[in-house]
Amino acid sequence: MEGGLGLRDPYTLNQVMGEKIWWRWRGGGGDLWKQNWTRKYNMPKRMKEILQYKDPPKGSTIWNLARQNRDLVAQHAFLEI
């Protein structure tokens, strides 16, 4: 009657977290975890090549979550010149 318990949809939250991780990985900065992911999964460094990469390698649970949601980032992100 009062609007529920205030809980969010876990499926949507999972998607958002995967997108956020992917976005942070591809964003600027030289964090150690970003460098490790790039080396471990042998991913190209340029964003255009990564978005065109059809079947990125499978790996850890967090990597798979980010990888599965990369298309959502690609659909809603743009480059401004």
PDB file of N, CA and C in Angstrom:
ATOM      1  N   MET A   1       0.821  -1.193   0.000  1.00  0.00           N
ATOM      2  CA  MET A   1       0.000   0.000   0.000  1.00  0.00           C
ATOM      3  C   MET A   1       0.868   1.260   0.000  1.00  0.00           C
ATOM      4  N   GLU A   2       2.029   1.172   0.610  1.00  0.00           N
ATOM      5  CA  GLU A   2       2.917   2.330   0.717  1.00  0.00           C
ATOM      6  C   GLU A   2       3.971   2.352  -0.388  1.00  0.00           C
ATOM      7  N   GLY A   3       3.907   1.429  -1.330  1.00  0.00           N
ATOM      8  CA  GLY A   3       4.863   1.442  -2.428  1.00  0.00           C
ATOM      9  C   GLY A   3       5.911   0.355  -2.354  1.00  0.00           C
ATOM     10  N   GLY A   4       5.757  -0.596  -1.489  1.00  0.00           N
ATOM     11  CA  GLY A   4       6.688  -1.718  -1.438  1.00  0.00           C
ATOM     12  C   GLY A   4       7.825  -1.494  -0.458  1.00  0.00           C
ATOM     13  N   LEU A   5       8.815  -2.354  -0.553  1.00  0.00           N
ATOM     14  CA  LEU A   5       9.948  -2.313   0.360  1.00  0.00           C
ATOM     15  C   LEU A   5      11.083  -1.429  -0.138  1.00  0.00           C
ATOM     16  N   GLY A   6      10.927  -0.879  -1.321  1.00  0.00           N
ATOM     17  CA  GLY A   6      11.988  -0.036  -1.871  1.00  0.00           C
ATOM     18  C   GLY A   6      13.093  -0.842  -2.531  1.00  0.00           C
ATOM     19  N   LEU A   7      12.818  -2.109  -2.832  1.00  0.00           N
ATOM     20  CA  LEU A   7      13.814  -2.959  -3.483  1.00  0.00           C
ATOM     21  C   LEU A   7      13.813  -2.702  -4.982  1.00  0.00           C
ATOM     22  N   ARG A   8      14.969  -2.783  -5.570  1.00  0.00           N
ATOM     23  CA  ARG A   8      15.097  -2.582  -7.007  1.00  0.00           C
ATOM     24  C   ARG A   8      15.128  -3.936  -7.712  1.00  0.00           C
ATOM     25  N   ASP A   9      14.848  -3.890  -8.996  1.00  0.00           N
ATOM     26  CA  ASP A   9      14.851  -5.101  -9.814  1.00  0.00           C
ATOM     27  C   ASP A   9      16.286  -5.618  -9.953  1.00  0.00           C
ATOM     28  N   PRO A  10      16.580  -6.830  -9.465  1.00  0.00           N
ATOM     29  CA  PRO A  10      17.956  -7.339  -9.497  1.00  0.00           C
ATOM     30  C   PRO A  10      18.489  -7.529 -10.920  1.00  0.00           C
ATOM     31  N   TYR A  11      17.642  -7.889 -11.876  1.00  0.00           N
ATOM     32  CA  TYR A  11      18.087  -8.069 -13.255  1.00  0.00           C
ATOM     33  C   TYR A  11      18.604  -6.743 -13.822  1.00  0.00           C
ATOM     34  N   THR A  12      17.847  -5.678 -13.605  1.00  0.00           N
ATOM     35  CA  THR A  12      18.239  -4.365 -14.100  1.00  0.00           C
ATOM     36  C   THR A  12      19.510  -3.888 -13.403  1.00  0.00           C
ATOM     37  N   LEU A  13      19.591  -4.081 -12.100  1.00  0.00           N
ATOM     38  CA  LEU A  13      20.799  -3.686 -11.369  1.00  0.00           C
ATOM     39  C   LEU A  13      22.029  -4.424 -11.876  1.00  0.00           C
ATOM     40  N   ASN A  14      21.880  -5.711 -12.156  1.00  0.00           N
ATOM     41  CA  ASN A  14      22.988  -6.502 -12.676  1.00  0.00           C
ATOM     42  C   ASN A  14      23.454  -5.962 -14.026  1.00  0.00           C
ATOM     43  N   GLN A  15      22.506  -5.617 -14.885  1.00  0.00           N
ATOM     44  CA  GLN A  15      22.841  -5.049 -16.188  1.00  0.00           C
ATOM     45  C   GLN A  15      23.574  -3.725 -16.032  1.00  0.00           C
ATOM     46  N   VAL A  16      23.068  -2.874 -15.178  1.00  0.00           N
ATOM     47  CA  VAL A  16      23.674  -1.565 -14.968  1.00  0.00           C
ATOM     48  C   VAL A  16      25.095  -1.709 -14.432  1.00  0.00           C
ATOM     49  N   MET A  17      25.297  -2.628 -13.508  1.00  0.00           N
ATOM     50  CA  MET A  17      26.647  -2.815 -12.962  1.00  0.00           C
ATOM     51  C   MET A  17      27.601  -3.343 -14.028  1.00  0.00           C
ATOM     52  N   GLY A  18      27.113  -4.246 -14.884  1.00  0.00           N
ATOM     53  CA  GLY A  18      27.948  -4.739 -15.982  1.00  0.00           C
ATOM     54  C   GLY A  18      28.326  -3.632 -16.947  1.00  0.00           C
ATOM     55  N   GLU A  19      27.370  -2.761 -17.260  1.00  0.00           N
ATOM     56  CA  GLU A  19      27.646  -1.626 -18.146  1.00  0.00           C
ATOM     57  C   GLU A  19      28.657  -0.690 -17.508  1.00  0.00           C
ATOM     58  N   LYS A  20      28.490  -0.438 -16.228  1.00  0.00           N
ATOM     59  CA  LYS A  20      29.389   0.478 -15.524  1.00  0.00           C
ATOM     60  C   LYS A  20      30.816  -0.061 -15.512  1.00  0.00           C
ATOM     61  N   ILE A  21      30.963  -1.344 -15.264  1.00  0.00           N
ATOM     62  CA  ILE A  21      32.297  -1.946 -15.261  1.00  0.00           C
ATOM     63  C   ILE A  21      32.916  -1.845 -16.640  1.00  0.00           C
ATOM     64  N   TRP A  22      32.141  -2.154 -17.687  1.00  0.00           N
ATOM     65  CA  TRP A  22      32.660  -2.060 -19.062  1.00  0.00           C
ATOM     66  C   TRP A  22      33.073  -0.627 -19.380  1.00  0.00           C
ATOM     67  N   TRP A  23      32.230   0.332 -19.013  1.00  0.00           N
ATOM     68  CA  TRP A  23      32.498   1.737 -19.281  1.00  0.00           C
ATOM     69  C   TRP A  23      33.772   2.185 -18.568  1.00  0.00           C
ATOM     70  N   ARG A  24      33.917   1.787 -17.304  1.00  0.00           N
ATOM     71  CA  ARG A  24      35.111   2.176 -16.543  1.00  0.00           C
ATOM     72  C   ARG A  24      36.357   1.516 -17.109  1.00  0.00           C
ATOM     73  N   TRP A  25      36.232   0.285 -17.573  1.00  0.00           N
ATOM     74  CA  TRP A  25      37.390  -0.398 -18.161  1.00  0.00           C
ATOM     75  C   TRP A  25      37.849   0.317 -19.417  1.00  0.00           C
ATOM     76  N   ARG A  26      36.908   0.733 -20.247  1.00  0.00           N
ATOM     77  CA  ARG A  26      37.250   1.382 -21.508  1.00  0.00           C
ATOM     78  C   ARG A  26      37.543   2.862 -21.351  1.00  0.00           C
ATOM     79  N   GLY A  27      37.237   3.436 -20.196  1.00  0.00           N
ATOM     80  CA  GLY A  27      37.502   4.844 -19.954  1.00  0.00           C
ATOM     81  C   GLY A  27      38.989   5.086 -19.748  1.00  0.00           C
ATOM     82  N   GLY A  28      39.316   6.321 -19.563  1.00  0.00           N
ATOM     83  CA  GLY A  28      40.719   6.687 -19.380  1.00  0.00           C
ATOM     84  C   GLY A  28      41.295   6.179 -18.074  1.00  0.00           C
ATOM     85  N   GLY A  29      42.563   6.369 -17.949  1.00  0.00           N
ATOM     86  CA  GLY A  29      43.254   5.956 -16.725  1.00  0.00           C
ATOM     87  C   GLY A  29      44.015   4.667 -16.924  1.00  0.00           C
ATOM     88  N   GLY A  30      45.033   4.507 -16.128  1.00  0.00           N
ATOM     89  CA  GLY A  30      45.867   3.329 -16.255  1.00  0.00           C
ATOM     90  C   GLY A  30      45.807   2.436 -15.040  1.00  0.00           C
ATOM     91  N   ASP A  31      44.605   2.249 -14.490  1.00  0.00           N
ATOM     92  CA  ASP A  31      44.460   1.393 -13.314  1.00  0.00           C
ATOM     93  C   ASP A  31      44.995   0.000 -13.612  1.00  0.00           C
ATOM     94  N   LEU A  32      45.557  -0.612 -12.588  1.00  0.00           N
ATOM     95  CA  LEU A  32      46.166  -1.928 -12.741  1.00  0.00           C
ATOM     96  C   LEU A  32      45.158  -2.973 -13.214  1.00  0.00           C
ATOM     97  N   TRP A  33      43.941  -2.950 -12.686  1.00  0.00           N
ATOM     98  CA  TRP A  33      42.946  -3.945 -13.087  1.00  0.00           C
ATOM     99  C   TRP A  33      42.600  -3.798 -14.557  1.00  0.00           C
ATOM    100  N   LYS A  34      42.598  -2.580 -15.079  1.00  0.00           N
ATOM    101  CA  LYS A  34      42.306  -2.356 -16.498  1.00  0.00           C
ATOM    102  C   LYS A  34      43.409  -2.940 -17.374  1.00  0.00           C
ATOM    103  N   GLN A  35      44.642  -2.712 -16.969  1.00  0.00           N
ATOM    104  CA  GLN A  35      45.779  -3.259 -17.710  1.00  0.00           C
ATOM    105  C   GLN A  35      45.755  -4.784 -17.693  1.00  0.00           C
ATOM    106  N   ASN A  36      45.442  -5.363 -16.548  1.00  0.00           N
ATOM    107  CA  ASN A  36      45.383  -6.823 -16.439  1.00  0.00           C
ATOM    108  C   ASN A  36      44.297  -7.409 -17.334  1.00  0.00           C
ATOM    109  N   TRP A  37      43.121  -6.791 -17.347  1.00  0.00           N
ATOM    110  CA  TRP A  37      42.042  -7.281 -18.212  1.00  0.00           C
ATOM    111  C   TRP A  37      42.446  -7.221 -19.673  1.00  0.00           C
ATOM    112  N   THR A  38      43.061  -6.123 -20.072  1.00  0.00           N
ATOM    113  CA  THR A  38      43.465  -5.973 -21.472  1.00  0.00           C
ATOM    114  C   THR A  38      44.446  -7.076 -21.857  1.00  0.00           C
ATOM    115  N   ARG A  39      45.412  -7.341 -20.984  1.00  0.00           N
ATOM    116  CA  ARG A  39      46.402  -8.396 -21.265  1.00  0.00           C
ATOM    117  C   ARG A  39      45.788  -9.787 -21.161  1.00  0.00           C
ATOM    118  N   LYS A  40      45.032 -10.029 -20.101  1.00  0.00           N
ATOM    119  CA  LYS A  40      44.489 -11.368 -19.854  1.00  0.00           C
ATOM    120  C   LYS A  40      43.556 -11.823 -20.962  1.00  0.00           C
ATOM    121  N   TYR A  41      42.690 -10.920 -21.422  1.00  0.00           N
ATOM    122  CA  TYR A  41      41.702 -11.294 -22.421  1.00  0.00           C
ATOM    123  C   TYR A  41      42.130 -10.908 -23.828  1.00  0.00           C
ATOM    124  N   ASN A  42      43.386 -10.443 -23.951  1.00  0.00           N
ATOM    125  CA  ASN A  42      43.991 -10.151 -25.251  1.00  0.00           C
ATOM    126  C   ASN A  42      43.086  -9.259 -26.109  1.00  0.00           C
ATOM    127  N   MET A  43      42.608  -8.201 -25.504  1.00  0.00           N
ATOM    128  CA  MET A  43      41.700  -7.295 -26.194  1.00  0.00           C
ATOM    129  C   MET A  43      42.486  -6.170 -26.863  1.00  0.00           C
ATOM    130  N   PRO A  44      42.026  -5.721 -28.031  1.00  0.00           N
ATOM    131  CA  PRO A  44      42.681  -4.575 -28.663  1.00  0.00           C
ATOM    132  C   PRO A  44      42.511  -3.333 -27.803  1.00  0.00           C
ATOM    133  N   LYS A  45      43.355  -2.361 -27.991  1.00  0.00           N
ATOM    134  CA  LYS A  45      43.330  -1.176 -27.141  1.00  0.00           C
ATOM    135  C   LYS A  45      42.352  -0.115 -27.628  1.00  0.00           C
ATOM    136  N   ARG A  46      42.082  -0.062 -28.911  1.00  0.00           N
ATOM    137  CA  ARG A  46      41.214   0.986 -29.439  1.00  0.00           C
ATOM    138  C   ARG A  46      39.743   0.604 -29.278  1.00  0.00           C
ATOM    139  N   MET A  47      38.931   1.582 -28.877  1.00  0.00           N
ATOM    140  CA  MET A  47      37.506   1.350 -28.624  1.00  0.00           C
ATOM    141  C   MET A  47      36.790   0.828 -29.861  1.00  0.00           C
ATOM    142  N   LYS A  48      37.086   1.375 -31.018  1.00  0.00           N
ATOM    143  CA  LYS A  48      36.413   0.954 -32.250  1.00  0.00           C
ATOM    144  C   LYS A  48      36.645  -0.536 -32.517  1.00  0.00           C
ATOM    145  N   GLU A  49      37.863  -0.994 -32.314  1.00  0.00           N
ATOM    146  CA  GLU A  49      38.182  -2.412 -32.525  1.00  0.00           C
ATOM    147  C   GLU A  49      37.463  -3.295 -31.512  1.00  0.00           C
ATOM    148  N   ILE A  50      37.369  -2.832 -30.277  1.00  0.00           N
ATOM    149  CA  ILE A  50      36.711  -3.621 -29.236  1.00  0.00           C
ATOM    150  C   ILE A  50      35.225  -3.763 -29.531  1.00  0.00           C
ATOM    151  N   LEU A  51      34.585  -2.678 -29.963  1.00  0.00           N
ATOM    152  CA  LEU A  51      33.151  -2.732 -30.247  1.00  0.00           C
ATOM    153  C   LEU A  51      32.852  -3.613 -31.451  1.00  0.00           C
ATOM    154  N   GLN A  52      33.820  -3.746 -32.377  1.00  0.00           N
ATOM    155  CA  GLN A  52      33.628  -4.583 -33.558  1.00  0.00           C
ATOM    156  C   GLN A  52      34.000  -6.036 -33.286  1.00  0.00           C
ATOM    157  N   TYR A  53      34.656  -6.285 -32.174  1.00  0.00           N
ATOM    158  CA  TYR A  53      35.089  -7.619 -31.787  1.00  0.00           C
ATOM    159  C   TYR A  53      33.848  -8.460 -31.519  1.00  0.00           C
ATOM    160  N   LYS A  54      33.590  -9.447 -32.339  1.00  0.00           N
ATOM    161  CA  LYS A  54      32.321 -10.181 -32.278  1.00  0.00           C
ATOM    162  C   LYS A  54      32.206 -11.128 -31.089  1.00  0.00           C
ATOM    163  N   ASP A  55      33.255 -11.826 -30.765  1.00  0.00           N
ATOM    164  CA  ASP A  55      33.149 -12.828 -29.714  1.00  0.00           C
ATOM    165  C   ASP A  55      34.316 -12.701 -28.730  1.00  0.00           C
ATOM    166  N   PRO A  56      34.226 -11.735 -27.799  1.00  0.00           N
ATOM    167  CA  PRO A  56      35.299 -11.612 -26.822  1.00  0.00           C
ATOM    168  C   PRO A  56      35.441 -12.892 -26.006  1.00  0.00           C
ATOM    169  N   PRO A  57      36.630 -13.168 -25.522  1.00  0.00           N
ATOM    170  CA  PRO A  57      36.848 -14.400 -24.759  1.00  0.00           C
ATOM    171  C   PRO A  57      36.035 -14.441 -23.470  1.00  0.00           C
ATOM    172  N   LYS A  58      35.701 -15.643 -23.053  1.00  0.00           N
ATOM    173  CA  LYS A  58      34.999 -15.819 -21.780  1.00  0.00           C
ATOM    174  C   LYS A  58      36.041 -15.862 -20.670  1.00  0.00           C
ATOM    175  N   GLY A  59      35.605 -15.480 -19.478  1.00  0.00           N
ATOM    176  CA  GLY A  59      36.562 -15.448 -18.380  1.00  0.00           C
ATOM    177  C   GLY A  59      35.865 -15.470 -17.045  1.00  0.00           C
ATOM    178  N   SER A  60      36.264 -14.559 -16.168  1.00  0.00           N
ATOM    179  CA  SER A  60      35.709 -14.516 -14.817  1.00  0.00           C
ATOM    180  C   SER A  60      34.244 -14.069 -14.853  1.00  0.00           C
ATOM    181  N   THR A  61      33.580 -14.218 -13.749  1.00  0.00           N
ATOM    182  CA  THR A  61      32.180 -13.835 -13.646  1.00  0.00           C
ATOM    183  C   THR A  61      31.996 -12.347 -13.911  1.00  0.00           C
ATOM    184  N   ILE A  62      32.864 -11.531 -13.367  1.00  0.00           N
ATOM    185  CA  ILE A  62      32.749 -10.086 -13.556  1.00  0.00           C
ATOM    186  C   ILE A  62      33.047  -9.718 -14.999  1.00  0.00           C
ATOM    187  N   TRP A  63      34.063 -10.336 -15.591  1.00  0.00           N
ATOM    188  CA  TRP A  63      34.369 -10.074 -16.999  1.00  0.00           C
ATOM    189  C   TRP A  63      33.182 -10.456 -17.886  1.00  0.00           C
ATOM    190  N   ASN A  64      32.601 -11.609 -17.630  1.00  0.00           N
ATOM    191  CA  ASN A  64      31.460 -12.051 -18.438  1.00  0.00           C
ATOM    192  C   ASN A  64      30.271 -11.104 -18.295  1.00  0.00           C
ATOM    193  N   LEU A  65      30.034 -10.603 -17.096  1.00  0.00           N
ATOM    194  CA  LEU A  65      28.958  -9.641 -16.887  1.00  0.00           C
ATOM    195  C   LEU A  65      29.208  -8.371 -17.701  1.00  0.00           C
ATOM    196  N   ALA A  66      30.419  -7.855 -17.645  1.00  0.00           N
ATOM    197  CA  ALA A  66      30.759  -6.650 -18.402  1.00  0.00           C
ATOM    198  C   ALA A  66      30.671  -6.919 -19.904  1.00  0.00           C
ATOM    199  N   ARG A  67      31.180  -8.055 -20.327  1.00  0.00           N
ATOM    200  CA  ARG A  67      31.185  -8.411 -21.753  1.00  0.00           C
ATOM    201  C   ARG A  67      29.772  -8.532 -22.303  1.00  0.00           C
ATOM    202  N   GLN A  68      28.875  -9.117 -21.523  1.00  0.00           N
ATOM    203  CA  GLN A  68      27.496  -9.302 -21.968  1.00  0.00           C
ATOM    204  C   GLN A  68      26.767  -7.973 -22.137  1.00  0.00           C
ATOM    205  N   ASN A  69      27.176  -6.967 -21.399  1.00  0.00           N
ATOM    206  CA  ASN A  69      26.474  -5.687 -21.433  1.00  0.00           C
ATOM    207  C   ASN A  69      27.197  -4.632 -22.261  1.00  0.00           C
ATOM    208  N   ARG A  70      28.229  -5.016 -22.965  1.00  0.00           N
ATOM    209  CA  ARG A  70      28.976  -4.038 -23.756  1.00  0.00           C
ATOM    210  C   ARG A  70      28.153  -3.470 -24.897  1.00  0.00           C
ATOM    211  N   ASP A  71      27.231  -4.244 -25.443  1.00  0.00           N
ATOM    212  CA  ASP A  71      26.405  -3.746 -26.544  1.00  0.00           C
ATOM    213  C   ASP A  71      25.497  -2.608 -26.086  1.00  0.00           C
ATOM    214  N   LEU A  72      25.023  -2.673 -24.855  1.00  0.00           N
ATOM    215  CA  LEU A  72      24.199  -1.582 -24.328  1.00  0.00           C
ATOM    216  C   LEU A  72      25.005  -0.294 -24.240  1.00  0.00           C
ATOM    217  N   VAL A  73      26.261  -0.410 -23.843  1.00  0.00           N
ATOM    218  CA  VAL A  73      27.123   0.767 -23.793  1.00  0.00           C
ATOM    219  C   VAL A  73      27.328   1.302 -25.206  1.00  0.00           C
ATOM    220  N   ALA A  74      27.578   0.424 -26.146  1.00  0.00           N
ATOM    221  CA  ALA A  74      27.821   0.845 -27.531  1.00  0.00           C
ATOM    222  C   ALA A  74      26.585   1.516 -28.135  1.00  0.00           C
ATOM    223  N   GLN A  75      25.396   1.046 -27.786  1.00  0.00           N
ATOM    224  CA  GLN A  75      24.173   1.620 -28.328  1.00  0.00           C
ATOM    225  C   GLN A  75      23.883   3.007 -27.764  1.00  0.00           C
ATOM    226  N   HIS A  76      24.306   3.257 -26.546  1.00  0.00           N
ATOM    227  CA  HIS A  76      23.934   4.508 -25.894  1.00  0.00           C
ATOM    228  C   HIS A  76      25.101   5.480 -25.712  1.00  0.00           C
ATOM    229  N   ALA A  77      26.261   5.142 -26.225  1.00  0.00           N
ATOM    230  CA  ALA A  77      27.416   6.031 -26.136  1.00  0.00           C
ATOM    231  C   ALA A  77      27.734   6.586 -27.515  1.00  0.00           C
ATOM    232  N   PHE A  78      28.315   7.748 -27.541  1.00  0.00           N
ATOM    233  CA  PHE A  78      28.707   8.351 -28.807  1.00  0.00           C
ATOM    234  C   PHE A  78      29.964   9.167 -28.608  1.00  0.00           C
ATOM    235  N   LEU A  79      30.660   9.425 -29.682  1.00  0.00           N
ATOM    236  CA  LEU A  79      31.862  10.246 -29.639  1.00  0.00           C
ATOM    237  C   LEU A  79      31.512  11.622 -30.155  1.00  0.00           C
ATOM    238  N   GLU A  80      31.954  12.627 -29.471  1.00  0.00           N
ATOM    239  CA  GLU A  80      31.704  13.999 -29.899  1.00  0.00           C
ATOM    240  C   GLU A  80      33.035  14.614 -30.314  1.00  0.00           C
ATOM    241  N   ILE A  81      33.065  15.142 -31.502  1.00  0.00           N
ATOM    242  CA  ILE A  81      34.314  15.722 -32.024  1.00  0.00           C
ATOM    243  C   ILE A  81      34.231  17.233 -31.935  1.00  0.00           C
TER     244      ILE A  81
END
